[in-house]
Protein backbone atom coordinates (compact mmCIF):
# COMPACT_ATOMS: atom_id res chain seq x y z
CA MET A 1 -6.82 23.60 -8.78
CA THR A 2 -7.35 20.35 -11.51
CA LYS A 3 -8.27 17.19 -11.04
CA PRO A 4 -5.85 14.23 -11.68
CA PHE A 5 -7.39 12.81 -15.16
CA ALA A 6 -9.88 9.35 -14.87
CA PRO A 7 -8.44 6.14 -15.94
CA LYS A 8 -9.17 4.91 -18.90
CA ARG A 9 -11.99 2.28 -18.71
CA HIS A 10 -10.97 -0.70 -21.09
CA LEU A 11 -13.31 -1.64 -24.19
CA PRO A 12 -14.23 -5.51 -24.54
CA SER A 13 -13.22 -5.25 -28.20
CA SER A 14 -10.14 -3.68 -27.83
CA PRO A 15 -7.38 -5.69 -29.59
CA PHE A 16 -5.20 -4.72 -26.21
CA LYS A 17 -5.49 -6.48 -23.16
CA ALA A 18 -7.17 -5.63 -19.99
CA PRO A 19 -4.02 -3.86 -17.62
CA VAL A 20 -4.01 -6.02 -14.82
CA ALA A 21 -4.33 -4.45 -11.09
CA PRO A 22 -1.20 -5.65 -8.70
CA ALA A 23 -1.24 -7.73 -6.11
CA PRO A 24 -2.15 -6.52 -2.63
CA LYS A 25 0.54 -6.27 -0.62
CA HIS A 26 1.04 -8.03 3.21
CA PHE A 27 2.54 -7.87 5.73
CA ALA A 28 3.26 -9.95 8.85
CA VAL A 29 4.02 -8.83 13.07
CA GLY A 30 7.50 -8.52 12.60
CA ASP A 31 8.25 -7.28 9.22
CA GLN A 32 10.42 -4.68 9.36
CA VAL A 33 9.40 -2.19 6.81
CA THR A 34 10.49 1.12 5.51
CA HIS A 35 7.66 4.23 4.74
CA ASP A 36 8.08 7.20 2.80
CA THR A 37 7.48 9.50 4.79
CA HIS A 38 8.21 8.07 8.39
CA GLY A 39 11.32 6.26 7.77
CA LEU A 40 12.52 2.50 8.87
CA GLY A 41 9.92 0.49 11.43
CA ARG A 42 8.54 -2.37 12.44
CA VAL A 43 4.69 -3.79 12.13
CA ILE A 44 3.21 -4.59 15.38
CA GLY A 45 -0.39 -5.60 14.57
CA VAL A 46 -2.07 -6.29 11.43
CA GLU A 47 -5.64 -6.11 10.45
CA ASP A 48 -6.37 -7.99 7.39
CA GLY A 49 -6.49 -5.65 4.24
CA VAL A 50 -7.14 -3.05 6.40
CA ALA A 51 -4.20 -1.52 8.34
CA ALA A 52 -1.32 -2.59 9.61
CA LEU A 53 0.26 -1.42 13.07
CA VAL A 54 3.82 0.19 12.59
CA ASP A 55 6.50 0.69 15.28
CA PHE A 56 8.27 3.91 13.32
CA GLY A 57 10.24 4.13 17.22
CA PRO A 58 9.19 7.94 18.34
CA ALA A 59 5.86 7.32 17.32
CA GLN A 60 3.15 4.33 16.45
CA MET A 61 1.35 4.25 13.30
CA ARG A 62 -1.77 2.54 11.82
CA ILE A 63 -0.89 2.76 7.95
CA LEU A 64 -4.42 1.89 5.91
CA SER A 65 -4.03 -0.48 3.44
CA PRO A 66 -3.37 -0.30 0.14
CA TYR A 67 0.33 0.79 1.64
CA THR A 68 1.09 2.94 -1.18
CA LYS A 69 3.83 4.38 0.50
CA MET A 70 5.05 1.22 2.38
CA THR A 71 7.53 -1.23 1.40
CA LYS A 72 8.98 -4.67 2.93
CA LEU A 73 12.79 -4.73 3.61
């Protein structure tokens, strides 16, 4: 098994701009969301910057930040 490549660091002397990190996603109670694995759901609880509690119908899941597989509808 091979490890994924580490991201390249930006050199201060480089003529190219440094890559910009995407803004973290924020969810509020009541937001409808979709998750790549669990499907459609509704946010029922939020821990600021840590996790979101989402009701997917048959199960409630605690989705941890940075919410890469979850988007707001």
